[in-house]
């Protein structure tokens, strides 16, 4: 009997050559398996070590930033306690027009020493007549007509403001041309 030459897809699948693999390709030798099991714990330990090192580095950076913030806050709190003294000296100097020269010289010496101490601590006063009004650092309690002055500039200063490089210690209390 003669077979029909028509074939089906199933026949094609069965007619494809089967690739044989050698035992070396599928099975690892015992030495290779041993190194793989050793590498996995080593990789895990290395990963743990790297994570711990990164965590420690982050901790060190965070604590140094906290220390700097503590110093800055303590400095600002101390200066805030001294500001009424600075205000009193400024008022005494402005009101002591007819005072004896020795008295004025003593007040000016105290003011100079206080300003030097503030400079050492990097404390800057702000809020001068004619400065532009900035609501982030100035507290406007009154407004006056401009009368030939540019609007939103400071017309009078009732209390000077003080700041450090990154923080306002006390806002300036001012009157603004509006």
C-alpha atoms as a PDB file:
ATOM      1  CA  UNK A   1       0.000   0.000   0.000  1.00  0.00           C
ATOM      2  CA  UNK A   2       1.069   3.360  -0.850  1.00  0.00           C
ATOM      3  CA  UNK A   3       0.935   6.107   1.724  1.00  0.00           C
ATOM      4  CA  UNK A   4      -0.574   9.466   1.029  1.00  0.00           C
ATOM      5  CA  UNK A   5       2.005  12.206   0.759  1.00  0.00           C
ATOM      6  CA  UNK A   6      -0.124  14.676   2.599  1.00  0.00           C
ATOM      7  CA  UNK A   7       1.111  15.358   6.064  1.00  0.00           C
ATOM      8  CA  UNK A   8      -0.454  17.219   8.921  1.00  0.00           C
ATOM      9  CA  UNK A   9       1.056  19.681  11.290  1.00  0.00           C
ATOM     10  CA  UNK A  10       1.287  17.047  13.930  1.00  0.00           C
ATOM     11  CA  UNK A  11       3.440  14.989  11.666  1.00  0.00           C
ATOM     12  CA  UNK A  12       5.755  17.976  11.111  1.00  0.00           C
ATOM     13  CA  UNK A  13       6.188  18.437  14.820  1.00  0.00           C
ATOM     14  CA  UNK A  14       7.191  14.888  15.267  1.00  0.00           C
ATOM     15  CA  UNK A  15       9.566  14.971  12.317  1.00  0.00           C
ATOM     16  CA  UNK A  16      11.682  17.861  13.677  1.00  0.00           C
ATOM     17  CA  UNK A  17      15.028  16.682  14.879  1.00  0.00           C
ATOM     18  CA  UNK A  18      15.400  16.505  18.619  1.00  0.00           C
ATOM     19  CA  UNK A  19      18.421  18.314  19.917  1.00  0.00           C
ATOM     20  CA  UNK A  20      20.271  16.409  22.460  1.00  0.00           C
ATOM     21  CA  UNK A  21      22.086  18.238  25.171  1.00  0.00           C
ATOM     22  CA  UNK A  22      25.132  17.032  26.871  1.00  0.00           C
ATOM     23  CA  UNK A  23      25.026  16.428  30.609  1.00  0.00           C
ATOM     24  CA  UNK A  24      27.506  19.270  31.143  1.00  0.00           C
ATOM     25  CA  UNK A  25      25.067  21.848  29.793  1.00  0.00           C
ATOM     26  CA  UNK A  26      22.090  20.867  31.926  1.00  0.00           C
ATOM     27  CA  UNK A  27      23.646  19.644  35.109  1.00  0.00           C
ATOM     28  CA  UNK A  28      26.239  21.622  36.925  1.00  0.00           C
ATOM     29  CA  UNK A  29      29.160  19.885  38.348  1.00  0.00           C
ATOM     30  CA  UNK A  30      29.251  19.622  42.151  1.00  0.00           C
ATOM     31  CA  UNK A  31      32.068  22.182  42.271  1.00  0.00           C
ATOM     32  CA  UNK A  32      29.995  24.741  40.298  1.00  0.00           C
ATOM     33  CA  UNK A  33      26.954  24.159  42.519  1.00  0.00           C
ATOM     34  CA  UNK A  34      29.078  24.667  45.609  1.00  0.00           C
ATOM     35  CA  UNK A  35      30.432  28.023  44.343  1.00  0.00           C
ATOM     36  CA  UNK A  36      26.899  29.183  43.459  1.00  0.00           C
ATOM     37  CA  UNK A  37      25.664  28.477  46.974  1.00  0.00           C
ATOM     38  CA  UNK A  38      28.710  30.264  48.352  1.00  0.00           C
ATOM     39  CA  UNK A  39      28.203  33.270  46.058  1.00  0.00           C
ATOM     40  CA  UNK A  40      24.560  33.765  47.058  1.00  0.00           C
ATOM     41  CA  UNK A  41      25.338  34.168  50.789  1.00  0.00           C
ATOM     42  CA  UNK A  42      28.350  36.321  49.929  1.00  0.00           C
ATOM     43  CA  UNK A  43      26.219  38.535  47.700  1.00  0.00           C
ATOM     44  CA  UNK A  44      23.573  38.751  50.417  1.00  0.00           C
ATOM     45  CA  UNK A  45      26.178  39.667  53.024  1.00  0.00           C
ATOM     46  CA  UNK A  46      27.708  42.249  50.693  1.00  0.00           C
ATOM     47  CA  UNK A  47      24.260  43.743  50.068  1.00  0.00           C
ATOM     48  CA  UNK A  48      23.609  43.882  53.832  1.00  0.00           C
ATOM     49  CA  UNK A  49      26.965  45.556  54.373  1.00  0.00           C
ATOM     50  CA  UNK A  50      26.343  48.174  51.672  1.00  0.00           C
ATOM     51  CA  UNK A  51      22.898  48.942  53.060  1.00  0.00           C
ATOM     52  CA  UNK A  52      24.296  49.281  56.576  1.00  0.00           C
ATOM     53  CA  UNK A  53      27.068  51.583  55.340  1.00  0.00           C
ATOM     54  CA  UNK A  54      24.536  53.771  53.497  1.00  0.00           C
ATOM     55  CA  UNK A  55      22.276  53.859  56.558  1.00  0.00           C
ATOM     56  CA  UNK A  56      25.186  54.912  58.769  1.00  0.00           C
ATOM     57  CA  UNK A  57      26.201  57.622  56.283  1.00  0.00           C
ATOM     58  CA  UNK A  58      22.636  58.986  56.256  1.00  0.00           C
ATOM     59  CA  UNK A  59      22.569  58.912  60.077  1.00  0.00           C
ATOM     60  CA  UNK A  60      25.854  60.816  60.264  1.00  0.00           C
ATOM     61  CA  UNK A  61      24.609  63.490  57.831  1.00  0.00           C
ATOM     62  CA  UNK A  62      21.284  63.819  59.658  1.00  0.00           C
ATOM     63  CA  UNK A  63      22.916  64.222  63.086  1.00  0.00           C
ATOM     64  CA  UNK A  64      25.384  66.816  61.814  1.00  0.00           C
ATOM     65  CA  UNK A  65      22.481  68.794  60.310  1.00  0.00           C
ATOM     66  CA  UNK A  66      20.593  68.518  63.617  1.00  0.00           C
ATOM     67  CA  UNK A  67      23.639  69.796  65.523  1.00  0.00           C
ATOM     68  CA  UNK A  68      23.898  72.808  63.227  1.00  0.00           C
ATOM     69  CA  UNK A  69      20.185  73.519  63.660  1.00  0.00           C
ATOM     70  CA  UNK A  70      20.488  73.262  67.447  1.00  0.00           C
ATOM     71  CA  UNK A  71      23.350  75.768  67.445  1.00  0.00           C
ATOM     72  CA  UNK A  72      21.460  78.125  65.153  1.00  0.00           C
ATOM     73  CA  UNK A  73      18.302  77.946  67.277  1.00  0.00           C
ATOM     74  CA  UNK A  74      20.207  78.441  70.544  1.00  0.00           C
ATOM     75  CA  UNK A  75      22.034  81.445  69.083  1.00  0.00           C
ATOM     76  CA  UNK A  76      18.764  82.953  67.827  1.00  0.00           C
ATOM     77  CA  UNK A  77      17.073  82.423  71.207  1.00  0.00           C
ATOM     78  CA  UNK A  78      19.969  84.084  73.033  1.00  0.00           C
ATOM     79  CA  UNK A  79      19.980  87.066  70.686  1.00  0.00           C
ATOM     80  CA  UNK A  80      16.199  87.357  71.021  1.00  0.00           C
ATOM     81  CA  UNK A  81      16.663  87.711  74.786  1.00  0.00           C
ATOM     82  CA  UNK A  82      19.258  90.476  74.233  1.00  0.00           C
ATOM     83  CA  UNK A  83      17.242  92.501  71.707  1.00  0.00           C
ATOM     84  CA  UNK A  84      15.299  94.518  74.305  1.00  0.00           C
ATOM     85  CA  UNK A  85      18.656  95.720  75.655  1.00  0.00           C
ATOM     86  CA  UNK A  86      19.732  96.757  72.147  1.00  0.00           C
ATOM     87  CA  UNK A  87      16.413  98.588  71.683  1.00  0.00           C
ATOM     88  CA  UNK A  88      16.849 100.389  74.996  1.00  0.00           C
ATOM     89  CA  UNK A  89      20.358 101.522  74.083  1.00  0.00           C
ATOM     90  CA  UNK A  90      19.105 102.810  70.688  1.00  0.00           C
ATOM     91  CA  UNK A  91      16.282 104.734  72.398  1.00  0.00           C
ATOM     92  CA  UNK A  92      18.666 106.146  74.978  1.00  0.00           C
ATOM     93  CA  UNK A  93      21.016 107.367  72.246  1.00  0.00           C
ATOM     94  CA  UNK A  94      18.212 108.971  70.253  1.00  0.00           C
ATOM     95  CA  UNK A  95      16.709 110.647  73.356  1.00  0.00           C
ATOM     96  CA  UNK A  96      19.947 111.815  74.979  1.00  0.00           C
ATOM     97  CA  UNK A  97      20.526 114.870  72.813  1.00  0.00           C
ATOM     98  CA  UNK A  98      21.280 117.231  75.708  1.00  0.00           C
ATOM     99  CA  UNK A  99      23.179 114.653  77.791  1.00  0.00           C
ATOM    100  CA  UNK A 100      26.771 115.227  78.892  1.00  0.00           C
ATOM    101  CA  UNK A 101      29.373 114.074  76.313  1.00  0.00           C
ATOM    102  CA  UNK A 102      30.778 111.428  78.686  1.00  0.00           C
ATOM    103  CA  UNK A 103      27.338 109.868  79.012  1.00  0.00           C
ATOM    104  CA  UNK A 104      26.860 109.815  75.218  1.00  0.00           C
ATOM    105  CA  UNK A 105      30.337 108.367  74.735  1.00  0.00           C
ATOM    106  CA  UNK A 106      29.536 105.549  77.183  1.00  0.00           C
ATOM    107  CA  UNK A 107      26.240 104.727  75.422  1.00  0.00           C
ATOM    108  CA  UNK A 108      27.950 104.733  72.029  1.00  0.00           C
ATOM    109  CA  UNK A 109      30.658 102.416  73.366  1.00  0.00           C
ATOM    110  CA  UNK A 110      28.038  99.969  74.658  1.00  0.00           C
ATOM    111  CA  UNK A 111      26.180 100.093  71.327  1.00  0.00           C
ATOM    112  CA  UNK A 112      29.427  99.483  69.408  1.00  0.00           C
ATOM    113  CA  UNK A 113      30.257  96.478  71.602  1.00  0.00           C
ATOM    114  CA  UNK A 114      26.771  95.036  71.159  1.00  0.00           C
ATOM    115  CA  UNK A 115      26.933  95.542  67.380  1.00  0.00           C
ATOM    116  CA  UNK A 116      30.356  93.846  67.307  1.00  0.00           C
ATOM    117  CA  UNK A 117      28.972  90.888  69.256  1.00  0.00           C
ATOM    118  CA  UNK A 118      26.043  90.624  66.836  1.00  0.00           C
ATOM    119  CA  UNK A 119      28.476  90.776  63.911  1.00  0.00           C
ATOM    120  CA  UNK A 120      30.527  87.951  65.402  1.00  0.00           C
ATOM    121  CA  UNK A 121      27.356  85.862  65.659  1.00  0.00           C
ATOM    122  CA  UNK A 122      26.417  86.888  62.091  1.00  0.00           C
ATOM    123  CA  UNK A 123      23.272  88.679  63.249  1.00  0.00           C
ATOM    124  CA  UNK A 124      22.210  91.434  60.856  1.00  0.00           C
ATOM    125  CA  UNK A 125      19.757  94.256  61.620  1.00  0.00           C
ATOM    126  CA  UNK A 126      17.298  95.245  58.906  1.00  0.00           C
ATOM    127  CA  UNK A 127      14.439  97.658  58.397  1.00  0.00           C
ATOM    128  CA  UNK A 128      15.736 101.103  57.405  1.00  0.00           C
ATOM    129  CA  UNK A 129      13.707 104.059  56.190  1.00  0.00           C
ATOM    130  CA  UNK A 130      13.547 103.961  52.382  1.00  0.00           C
ATOM    131  CA  UNK A 131      13.986 100.178  52.068  1.00  0.00           C
ATOM    132  CA  UNK A 132      11.487  98.237  49.984  1.00  0.00           C
ATOM    133  CA  UNK A 133       8.735  96.644  52.033  1.00  0.00           C
ATOM    134  CA  UNK A 134       8.996  92.846  52.188  1.00  0.00           C
ATOM    135  CA  UNK A 135       6.100  91.157  54.018  1.00  0.00           C
ATOM    136  CA  UNK A 136       8.271  88.123  54.784  1.00  0.00           C
ATOM    137  CA  UNK A 137      10.594  90.131  57.048  1.00  0.00           C
ATOM    138  CA  UNK A 138       8.654  93.333  57.810  1.00  0.00           C
ATOM    139  CA  UNK A 139       5.499  93.773  59.846  1.00  0.00           C
ATOM    140  CA  UNK A 140       3.573  96.830  58.600  1.00  0.00           C
ATOM    141  CA  UNK A 141       1.366  98.346  61.290  1.00  0.00           C
ATOM    142  CA  UNK A 142       0.511 101.616  59.505  1.00  0.00           C
ATOM    143  CA  UNK A 143       0.253 103.067  56.026  1.00  0.00           C
ATOM    144  CA  UNK A 144       0.804 106.680  55.002  1.00  0.00           C
ATOM    145  CA  UNK A 145       0.166 108.536  51.712  1.00  0.00           C
ATOM    146  CA  UNK A 146       3.157 108.419  49.326  1.00  0.00           C
ATOM    147  CA  UNK A 147       3.746 112.228  48.959  1.00  0.00           C
ATOM    148  CA  UNK A 148       6.576 112.069  46.376  1.00  0.00           C
ATOM    149  CA  UNK A 149       7.865 108.749  47.785  1.00  0.00           C
ATOM    150  CA  UNK A 150       7.658 105.454  45.926  1.00  0.00           C
ATOM    151  CA  UNK A 151       4.864 103.184  47.160  1.00  0.00           C
ATOM    152  CA  UNK A 152       5.702 100.072  49.196  1.00  0.00           C
ATOM    153  CA  UNK A 153       8.769 101.639  50.787  1.00  0.00           C
ATOM    154  CA  UNK A 154       9.345 102.038  54.505  1.00  0.00           C
ATOM    155  CA  UNK A 155       8.320 105.433  55.884  1.00  0.00           C
ATOM    156  CA  UNK A 156       9.156 104.879  59.570  1.00  0.00           C
ATOM    157  CA  UNK A 157      10.735 102.138  61.670  1.00  0.00           C
ATOM    158  CA  UNK A 158       9.212 101.481  65.085  1.00  0.00           C
ATOM    159  CA  UNK A 159      11.365  98.459  65.888  1.00  0.00           C
ATOM    160  CA  UNK A 160      14.366  97.118  63.954  1.00  0.00           C
ATOM    161  CA  UNK A 161      14.339  93.546  62.754  1.00  0.00           C
ATOM    162  CA  UNK A 162      17.189  91.065  63.115  1.00  0.00           C
ATOM    163  CA  UNK A 163      18.077  87.969  61.144  1.00  0.00           C
ATOM    164  CA  UNK A 164      20.773  85.387  60.645  1.00  0.00           C
ATOM    165  CA  UNK A 165      21.726  83.997  57.265  1.00  0.00           C
ATOM    166  CA  UNK A 166      18.854  81.524  57.231  1.00  0.00           C
ATOM    167  CA  UNK A 167      16.382  82.693  59.858  1.00  0.00           C
ATOM    168  CA  UNK A 168      14.472  85.819  60.867  1.00  0.00           C
ATOM    169  CA  UNK A 169      14.942  86.334  64.599  1.00  0.00           C
ATOM    170  CA  UNK A 170      12.568  89.277  64.893  1.00  0.00           C
ATOM    171  CA  UNK A 171      10.474  90.988  62.210  1.00  0.00           C
ATOM    172  CA  UNK A 172      10.862  94.727  61.773  1.00  0.00           C
ATOM    173  CA  UNK A 173       7.807  96.778  62.746  1.00  0.00           C
ATOM    174  CA  UNK A 174       7.383  99.537  60.166  1.00  0.00           C
ATOM    175  CA  UNK A 175       5.117 102.149  58.603  1.00  0.00           C
ATOM    176  CA  UNK A 176       4.798 101.923  54.820  1.00  0.00           C
ATOM    177  CA  UNK A 177       4.088 104.444  52.073  1.00  0.00           C
ATOM    178  CA  UNK A 178       1.015 103.197  50.300  1.00  0.00           C
END
